[in-house]
Structures are given as structure tokens and as C-alpha cells.
Amino acid sequence: MRKDSIYAARSALEIGIENTRELLARHDAELGRDHRSTRMTAERIVRELEDMNRALGGLQKPDGVPYGPNTSI
């Protein structure tokens, strides 16, 4: 995989994670999780966050070293 593709994917995932966290916070503030439908929606959003975080963790730097929370580009 090309280096610029890795950086672009990493950036897109980070933006997606941030936006999805904001969506979950807004969902919880406005709708809560008291009803089955709102709880299921929140759980789906949480699963999406987990998937994106897993994908981000699976990306590797061009030198083959995994990205970590304290790793710079």
C-alpha cells in the first residue's frame, strides 16, 4: 500500500471517529437510551466506533510498524 494512501485512510478514519463520537453524544443528549429503538441505535453507533478504531489500529506505517495512540505520522 502506498504511503499517501495509508495517511489518507488514517486521516479519514480519525475524522470519522471524531464525527461518530459527536453523533453518539448528540444522540444520547437528545434521545437517550431509554427506549428499545434509541438504545439499539446507540449500540449500533458504538459498534461502528469499535470497527473504525480496529481499522485504524490495523493500519501500519509504511515501514511496517503499527500506529499507536502515542505515535506521530
N, C-alpha and C. Protein backbone atom coordinates (compact mmCIF):
# COMPACT_ATOMS: atom_id res chain seq x y z
N MET A 1 0.85 -1.17 0.00
CA MET A 1 0.00 0.00 0.00
C MET A 1 0.90 1.24 0.00
N ARG A 2 0.53 2.22 -0.77
CA ARG A 2 1.33 3.44 -0.87
C ARG A 2 1.22 4.26 0.39
N LYS A 3 2.29 4.97 0.70
CA LYS A 3 2.36 5.78 1.93
C LYS A 3 1.24 6.82 1.97
N ASP A 4 0.99 7.52 0.88
CA ASP A 4 -0.05 8.55 0.90
C ASP A 4 -1.43 7.95 1.07
N SER A 5 -1.63 6.73 0.61
CA SER A 5 -2.91 6.05 0.82
C SER A 5 -3.11 5.70 2.30
N ILE A 6 -2.04 5.28 2.95
CA ILE A 6 -2.12 4.97 4.38
C ILE A 6 -2.46 6.23 5.17
N TYR A 7 -1.77 7.32 4.87
CA TYR A 7 -2.03 8.57 5.58
C TYR A 7 -3.45 9.07 5.33
N ALA A 8 -3.92 8.93 4.10
CA ALA A 8 -5.27 9.37 3.78
C ALA A 8 -6.31 8.51 4.51
N ALA A 9 -6.09 7.21 4.54
CA ALA A 9 -7.01 6.32 5.24
C ALA A 9 -7.01 6.61 6.73
N ARG A 10 -5.83 6.83 7.28
CA ARG A 10 -5.73 7.12 8.71
C ARG A 10 -6.46 8.42 9.04
N SER A 11 -6.25 9.43 8.23
CA SER A 11 -6.91 10.72 8.44
C SER A 11 -8.43 10.58 8.32
N ALA A 12 -8.89 9.86 7.32
CA ALA A 12 -10.33 9.67 7.13
C ALA A 12 -10.94 8.93 8.32
N LEU A 13 -10.25 7.91 8.82
CA LEU A 13 -10.75 7.18 9.97
C LEU A 13 -10.78 8.06 11.22
N GLU A 14 -9.76 8.85 11.43
CA GLU A 14 -9.74 9.73 12.60
C GLU A 14 -10.88 10.74 12.54
N ILE A 15 -11.14 11.29 11.37
CA ILE A 15 -12.25 12.23 11.20
C ILE A 15 -13.58 11.51 11.42
N GLY A 16 -13.70 10.31 10.86
CA GLY A 16 -14.93 9.53 11.05
C GLY A 16 -15.17 9.19 12.51
N ILE A 17 -14.12 8.84 13.23
CA ILE A 17 -14.25 8.52 14.65
C ILE A 17 -14.71 9.76 15.43
N GLU A 18 -14.10 10.88 15.15
CA GLU A 18 -14.48 12.12 15.84
C GLU A 18 -15.94 12.48 15.55
N ASN A 19 -16.34 12.41 14.29
CA ASN A 19 -17.72 12.73 13.93
C ASN A 19 -18.71 11.75 14.55
N THR A 20 -18.35 10.49 14.59
CA THR A 20 -19.24 9.48 15.14
C THR A 20 -19.36 9.63 16.65
N ARG A 21 -18.28 10.00 17.32
CA ARG A 21 -18.36 10.28 18.77
C ARG A 21 -19.30 11.44 19.04
N GLU A 22 -19.21 12.48 18.22
CA GLU A 22 -20.10 13.63 18.37
C GLU A 22 -21.55 13.22 18.11
N LEU A 23 -21.76 12.37 17.11
CA LEU A 23 -23.11 11.88 16.81
C LEU A 23 -23.67 11.10 18.00
N LEU A 24 -22.86 10.24 18.60
CA LEU A 24 -23.31 9.45 19.75
C LEU A 24 -23.64 10.37 20.94
N ALA A 25 -22.79 11.36 21.18
CA ALA A 25 -23.05 12.29 22.28
C ALA A 25 -24.34 13.06 22.05
N ARG A 26 -24.56 13.51 20.82
CA ARG A 26 -25.80 14.24 20.49
C ARG A 26 -27.01 13.32 20.62
N HIS A 27 -26.87 12.09 20.14
CA HIS A 27 -27.95 11.12 20.25
C HIS A 27 -28.33 10.90 21.71
N ASP A 28 -27.32 10.68 22.55
CA ASP A 28 -27.58 10.43 23.96
C ASP A 28 -28.20 11.65 24.64
N ALA A 29 -27.72 12.84 24.31
CA ALA A 29 -28.24 14.06 24.93
C ALA A 29 -29.68 14.35 24.51
N GLU A 30 -29.97 14.12 23.24
CA GLU A 30 -31.30 14.46 22.72
C GLU A 30 -32.31 13.34 22.90
N LEU A 31 -31.88 12.08 22.77
CA LEU A 31 -32.83 10.97 22.77
C LEU A 31 -32.63 10.00 23.92
N GLY A 32 -31.42 9.92 24.41
CA GLY A 32 -31.12 8.97 25.47
C GLY A 32 -31.13 7.54 24.94
N ARG A 33 -31.18 6.61 25.89
CA ARG A 33 -31.18 5.19 25.52
C ARG A 33 -32.28 4.44 26.27
N ASP A 34 -33.32 5.17 26.64
CA ASP A 34 -34.39 4.59 27.45
C ASP A 34 -35.31 3.65 26.68
N HIS A 35 -35.49 3.91 25.42
CA HIS A 35 -36.39 3.09 24.60
C HIS A 35 -35.57 2.11 23.77
N ARG A 36 -36.20 1.04 23.40
CA ARG A 36 -35.51 -0.01 22.65
C ARG A 36 -34.87 0.54 21.37
N SER A 37 -35.62 1.33 20.65
CA SER A 37 -35.10 1.83 19.37
C SER A 37 -33.91 2.78 19.56
N THR A 38 -33.97 3.64 20.57
CA THR A 38 -32.85 4.56 20.78
C THR A 38 -31.64 3.83 21.35
N ARG A 39 -31.88 2.81 22.18
CA ARG A 39 -30.79 2.00 22.71
C ARG A 39 -30.10 1.23 21.59
N MET A 40 -30.90 0.66 20.69
CA MET A 40 -30.34 -0.10 19.57
C MET A 40 -29.53 0.81 18.65
N THR A 41 -30.03 2.01 18.42
CA THR A 41 -29.28 2.96 17.58
C THR A 41 -27.95 3.32 18.23
N ALA A 42 -27.97 3.60 19.53
CA ALA A 42 -26.73 3.93 20.24
C ALA A 42 -25.76 2.75 20.20
N GLU A 43 -26.25 1.55 20.38
CA GLU A 43 -25.39 0.36 20.34
C GLU A 43 -24.78 0.17 18.96
N ARG A 44 -25.55 0.47 17.93
CA ARG A 44 -25.01 0.38 16.56
C ARG A 44 -23.90 1.40 16.36
N ILE A 45 -24.10 2.61 16.86
CA ILE A 45 -23.07 3.65 16.73
C ILE A 45 -21.81 3.24 17.48
N VAL A 46 -21.97 2.66 18.67
CA VAL A 46 -20.82 2.19 19.45
C VAL A 46 -20.07 1.11 18.68
N ARG A 47 -20.80 0.18 18.06
CA ARG A 47 -20.13 -0.87 17.26
C ARG A 47 -19.38 -0.26 16.09
N GLU A 48 -19.96 0.76 15.46
CA GLU A 48 -19.27 1.43 14.36
C GLU A 48 -17.99 2.09 14.84
N LEU A 49 -18.03 2.70 16.02
CA LEU A 49 -16.82 3.29 16.59
C LEU A 49 -15.76 2.23 16.83
N GLU A 50 -16.18 1.10 17.38
CA GLU A 50 -15.24 0.00 17.63
C GLU A 50 -14.62 -0.50 16.32
N ASP A 51 -15.45 -0.62 15.28
CA ASP A 51 -14.94 -1.06 13.98
C ASP A 51 -13.92 -0.08 13.41
N MET A 52 -14.23 1.22 13.50
CA MET A 52 -13.31 2.22 12.98
C MET A 52 -12.01 2.24 13.77
N ASN A 53 -12.09 2.11 15.09
CA ASN A 53 -10.89 2.07 15.92
C ASN A 53 -10.05 0.84 15.60
N ARG A 54 -10.69 -0.30 15.37
CA ARG A 54 -9.97 -1.51 14.99
C ARG A 54 -9.28 -1.32 13.64
N ALA A 55 -9.99 -0.72 12.70
CA ALA A 55 -9.40 -0.48 11.38
C ALA A 55 -8.21 0.47 11.49
N LEU A 56 -8.35 1.51 12.30
CA LEU A 56 -7.25 2.45 12.49
C LEU A 56 -6.06 1.75 13.13
N GLY A 57 -6.32 0.91 14.10
CA GLY A 57 -5.25 0.15 14.74
C GLY A 57 -4.59 -0.83 13.80
N GLY A 58 -5.31 -1.30 12.80
CA GLY A 58 -4.77 -2.26 11.85
C GLY A 58 -3.90 -1.65 10.78
N LEU A 59 -4.01 -0.34 10.61
CA LEU A 59 -3.16 0.33 9.63
C LEU A 59 -1.73 0.33 10.12
N GLN A 60 -0.82 0.20 9.21
CA GLN A 60 0.59 0.24 9.58
C GLN A 60 1.27 1.38 8.86
N LYS A 61 2.30 1.90 9.50
CA LYS A 61 3.13 2.89 8.82
C LYS A 61 3.81 2.22 7.64
N PRO A 62 4.28 3.00 6.69
CA PRO A 62 4.94 2.40 5.53
C PRO A 62 6.12 1.50 5.90
N ASP A 63 6.73 1.71 7.08
CA ASP A 63 7.85 0.86 7.47
C ASP A 63 7.39 -0.42 8.17
N GLY A 64 6.07 -0.63 8.25
CA GLY A 64 5.54 -1.86 8.83
C GLY A 64 5.25 -1.80 10.32
N VAL A 65 5.54 -0.67 10.96
CA VAL A 65 5.28 -0.52 12.39
C VAL A 65 3.83 -0.08 12.59
N PRO A 66 3.09 -0.75 13.47
CA PRO A 66 1.69 -0.34 13.70
C PRO A 66 1.60 1.05 14.30
N TYR A 67 0.52 1.73 13.97
CA TYR A 67 0.23 3.02 14.60
C TYR A 67 -0.22 2.75 16.01
N GLY A 68 0.13 3.63 16.91
CA GLY A 68 -0.32 3.54 18.27
C GLY A 68 -0.88 4.88 18.71
N PRO A 69 -1.49 4.95 19.90
CA PRO A 69 -2.09 6.21 20.34
C PRO A 69 -1.07 7.32 20.53
N ASN A 70 0.18 6.98 20.79
CA ASN A 70 1.21 8.00 21.02
C ASN A 70 2.21 8.07 19.87
N THR A 71 1.82 7.59 18.72
CA THR A 71 2.70 7.55 17.56
C THR A 71 2.39 8.73 16.66
N SER A 72 3.40 9.39 16.16
CA SER A 72 3.17 10.51 15.24
C SER A 72 3.33 10.03 13.81
N ILE A 73 2.80 10.81 12.90
CA ILE A 73 2.86 10.46 11.47
C ILE A 73 4.23 10.74 10.93
